[in-house]
Amino acid sequence: MNAVDGLEATLLVWNSVVARVPALAIQPASVPEVVAAVGFARDHGLVVSVKGESRSAAGTAAAERAVTLDLSRMREVTIDLDAGLVHAGPGCLPGEVERAAQLHGLAVMWQSDDLEEVEIVAVDGSVRIANRDENADVFRALMGGARDVGVVTRLTFRLAPRDQGHRGRPSGRLVRTAAQG
């Protein structure tokens, strides 16, 4: 985990009116590092806030006396051609994911219906997969914008032939909301 490098960028938020200073800012690069950070926050009674692009008008990317997780280092993209899926880390920019898909003549479908599953570190530190069948309540909560179920560490979207185009391309990083611990 990186708790020092890039601290200023980690603390920078788009809406300076709601800028807050966390107790600790961490830039995890892996799921085990997110698990450790969530455990640290839980053991010390601290809220976890998650920073992606920091464009929340409400300022949910940072919280006072919280552990802020800047997920920008979690940028792995994997294309599963057999399943027609792309797995992306929460720090990925949409263009990075699209370029990986385009190398295979595919396009990423960005609508919420095209989100197949997420990997999440729950508040208790467990790593779970959530989709329409497994942990469906967590999946529905995330689809509805819930911020208190954990930290998303991977998103899996459906791919389509490139000629179908891009539907609803998001701006910024893939994860932009806070998860309360």
Protein backbone atom coordinates (compact mmCIF):
# COMPACT_ATOMS: atom_id res chain seq x y z
CA MET A 1 0.00 0.00 0.00
CA ASN A 2 1.12 3.48 -0.71
CA ALA A 3 0.21 5.94 2.03
CA VAL A 4 2.54 8.79 1.03
CA ASP A 5 3.23 9.07 -2.73
CA GLY A 6 0.64 11.15 -4.54
CA LEU A 7 -0.97 12.30 -1.30
CA GLU A 8 -1.87 15.72 -2.69
CA ALA A 9 -3.60 14.15 -5.70
CA THR A 10 -5.34 11.67 -3.43
CA LEU A 11 -6.73 14.47 -1.28
CA LEU A 12 -7.71 16.70 -4.20
CA VAL A 13 -11.44 16.73 -4.92
CA TRP A 14 -13.33 18.43 -7.72
CA ASN A 15 -15.67 20.41 -5.46
CA SER A 16 -13.38 22.36 -3.13
CA VAL A 17 -16.40 23.68 -1.21
CA VAL A 18 -16.85 20.24 0.30
CA ALA A 19 -13.16 19.32 0.52
CA ARG A 20 -12.44 17.27 3.63
CA VAL A 21 -9.26 15.97 5.17
CA PRO A 22 -9.27 12.25 5.96
CA ALA A 23 -7.38 10.70 8.85
CA LEU A 24 -5.48 8.52 6.38
CA ALA A 25 -5.26 8.28 2.58
CA ILE A 26 -4.22 4.99 0.98
CA GLN A 27 -3.66 4.06 -2.66
CA PRO A 28 -4.16 0.29 -2.74
CA ALA A 29 -2.98 -1.55 -5.83
CA SER A 30 -4.64 -4.92 -5.14
CA VAL A 31 -7.63 -6.57 -3.52
CA PRO A 32 -5.58 -7.79 -0.51
CA GLU A 33 -4.49 -4.20 0.09
CA VAL A 34 -8.14 -3.05 0.01
CA VAL A 35 -9.03 -5.83 2.46
CA ALA A 36 -6.25 -4.67 4.79
CA ALA A 37 -7.34 -1.03 4.56
CA VAL A 38 -11.00 -1.88 5.22
CA GLY A 39 -9.92 -4.00 8.20
CA PHE A 40 -7.76 -1.18 9.56
CA ALA A 41 -10.65 1.27 9.28
CA ARG A 42 -13.09 -1.17 10.91
CA ASP A 43 -10.67 -1.96 13.77
CA HIS A 44 -10.15 1.74 14.46
CA GLY A 45 -13.77 2.82 14.11
CA LEU A 46 -13.11 4.90 11.00
CA VAL A 47 -15.38 5.43 8.01
CA VAL A 48 -14.06 4.36 4.61
CA SER A 49 -14.44 6.75 1.69
CA VAL A 50 -13.59 5.73 -1.85
CA LYS A 51 -12.05 8.05 -4.40
CA GLY A 52 -12.14 7.46 -8.11
CA GLU A 53 -12.35 10.63 -10.19
CA SER A 54 -13.53 12.80 -7.24
CA ARG A 55 -16.31 14.44 -9.20
CA SER A 56 -19.09 13.94 -6.68
CA ALA A 57 -20.81 17.29 -6.22
CA ALA A 58 -21.70 16.16 -2.70
CA GLY A 59 -18.06 15.51 -1.88
CA THR A 60 -18.47 11.83 -1.03
CA ALA A 61 -14.93 11.01 -2.23
CA ALA A 62 -13.52 12.12 1.11
CA ALA A 63 -14.79 12.30 4.65
CA GLU A 64 -13.37 13.92 7.77
CA ARG A 65 -11.44 11.50 9.98
CA ALA A 66 -11.95 8.69 7.48
CA VAL A 67 -9.70 6.30 5.63
CA THR A 68 -9.81 7.45 2.01
CA LEU A 69 -9.02 4.75 -0.53
CA ASP A 70 -7.79 6.19 -3.82
CA LEU A 71 -8.39 3.33 -6.24
CA SER A 72 -6.62 4.97 -9.19
CA ARG A 73 -3.80 2.39 -9.08
CA MET A 74 -6.23 -0.50 -9.62
CA ARG A 75 -6.30 -0.32 -13.41
CA GLU A 76 -6.10 -3.89 -14.67
CA VAL A 77 -8.23 -4.71 -17.73
CA THR A 78 -8.86 -8.31 -18.81
CA ILE A 79 -10.85 -9.34 -21.87
CA ASP A 80 -12.63 -12.72 -21.71
CA LEU A 81 -13.33 -13.43 -25.38
CA ASP A 82 -15.10 -16.74 -24.70
CA ALA A 83 -17.61 -15.13 -22.34
CA GLY A 84 -17.78 -11.79 -24.17
CA LEU A 85 -16.88 -9.86 -21.03
CA VAL A 86 -14.39 -7.26 -19.88
CA HIS A 87 -13.15 -7.20 -16.29
CA ALA A 88 -11.90 -3.79 -15.19
CA GLY A 89 -10.35 -2.42 -12.04
CA PRO A 90 -12.17 0.48 -10.36
CA GLY A 91 -9.37 2.92 -11.18
CA CYS A 92 -9.63 2.39 -14.94
CA LEU A 93 -10.63 5.22 -17.18
CA PRO A 94 -13.33 4.28 -19.70
CA GLY A 95 -10.97 4.95 -22.60
CA GLU A 96 -8.50 2.39 -21.25
CA VAL A 97 -11.22 -0.26 -21.12
CA GLU A 98 -12.52 0.66 -24.56
CA ARG A 99 -9.04 0.46 -26.13
CA ALA A 100 -8.55 -3.04 -24.73
CA ALA A 101 -11.90 -4.13 -26.19
CA GLN A 102 -11.21 -2.46 -29.55
CA LEU A 103 -8.04 -4.53 -29.95
CA HIS A 104 -10.42 -7.49 -30.34
CA GLY A 105 -12.96 -5.67 -32.54
CA LEU A 106 -15.33 -5.27 -29.61
CA ALA A 107 -17.07 -2.43 -27.83
CA VAL A 108 -17.88 -2.03 -24.15
CA MET A 109 -21.57 -1.72 -23.36
CA TRP A 110 -21.77 0.84 -20.55
CA GLN A 111 -25.46 0.74 -19.61
CA SER A 112 -26.34 -0.53 -16.16
CA ASP A 113 -28.07 -3.54 -17.75
CA ASP A 114 -24.70 -4.47 -19.25
CA LEU A 115 -22.92 -4.60 -15.89
CA GLU A 116 -22.67 -8.34 -15.31
CA GLU A 117 -21.02 -8.46 -11.90
CA VAL A 118 -18.83 -6.73 -9.39
CA GLU A 119 -16.22 -7.92 -6.97
CA ILE A 120 -16.56 -6.14 -3.66
CA VAL A 121 -14.72 -5.99 -0.36
CA ALA A 122 -17.54 -5.94 2.16
CA VAL A 123 -17.46 -3.97 5.39
CA ASP A 124 -16.54 -7.18 7.25
CA GLY A 125 -13.46 -7.59 5.01
CA SER A 126 -14.77 -10.51 3.00
CA VAL A 127 -14.33 -10.50 -0.77
CA ARG A 128 -17.57 -11.24 -2.57
CA ILE A 129 -18.86 -11.52 -6.10
CA ALA A 130 -22.21 -9.86 -6.67
CA ASN A 131 -24.36 -10.28 -9.76
CA ARG A 132 -28.00 -10.96 -10.60
CA ASP A 133 -27.80 -14.48 -9.09
CA GLU A 134 -25.05 -14.43 -6.44
CA ASN A 135 -25.36 -11.84 -3.65
CA ALA A 136 -28.14 -10.31 -5.76
CA ASP A 137 -29.20 -7.98 -2.93
CA VAL A 138 -25.73 -6.41 -2.88
CA PHE A 139 -25.72 -6.16 -6.69
CA ARG A 140 -29.14 -4.44 -6.70
CA ALA A 141 -28.02 -2.08 -3.93
CA LEU A 142 -24.94 -1.07 -5.92
CA MET A 143 -27.00 -0.63 -9.08
CA GLY A 144 -29.25 1.66 -7.07
CA GLY A 145 -26.34 3.82 -5.92
CA ALA A 146 -25.86 2.44 -2.40
CA ARG A 147 -22.58 3.54 -0.85
CA ASP A 148 -22.62 1.53 2.34
CA VAL A 149 -22.07 -2.04 1.14
CA GLY A 150 -18.30 -2.06 0.64
CA VAL A 151 -15.55 -1.20 -1.82
CA VAL A 152 -15.90 -2.30 -5.44
CA THR A 153 -12.61 -3.82 -6.63
CA ARG A 154 -13.62 -5.11 -10.07
CA LEU A 155 -16.44 -4.44 -12.53
CA THR A 156 -17.44 -6.83 -15.30
CA PHE A 157 -19.26 -5.47 -18.35
CA ARG A 158 -20.73 -7.17 -21.39
CA LEU A 159 -18.95 -6.70 -24.73
CA ALA A 160 -20.53 -6.45 -28.15
CA PRO A 161 -19.28 -6.28 -31.73
CA ARG A 162 -17.74 -2.88 -32.37
CA ASP A 163 -20.33 -1.90 -34.98
CA GLN A 164 -22.97 -1.78 -32.23
CA GLY A 165 -21.20 1.28 -30.86
CA HIS A 166 -20.84 2.62 -27.36
CA ARG A 167 -23.94 3.15 -25.26
CA GLY A 168 -23.76 5.63 -22.43
CA ARG A 169 -19.97 5.99 -22.09
CA PRO A 170 -19.18 7.15 -18.55
CA SER A 171 -16.79 9.97 -17.83
CA GLY A 172 -14.04 9.74 -15.24
CA ARG A 173 -12.93 6.62 -13.42
CA LEU A 174 -15.23 3.63 -13.15
CA VAL A 175 -15.81 4.01 -9.41
CA ARG A 176 -16.60 7.48 -8.13
CA THR A 177 -18.73 7.06 -5.01
CA ALA A 178 -17.96 6.50 -1.37
CA ALA A 179 -18.44 3.31 0.61
CA GLN A 180 -19.12 3.76 4.27
CA GLY A 181 -17.34 1.36 6.64
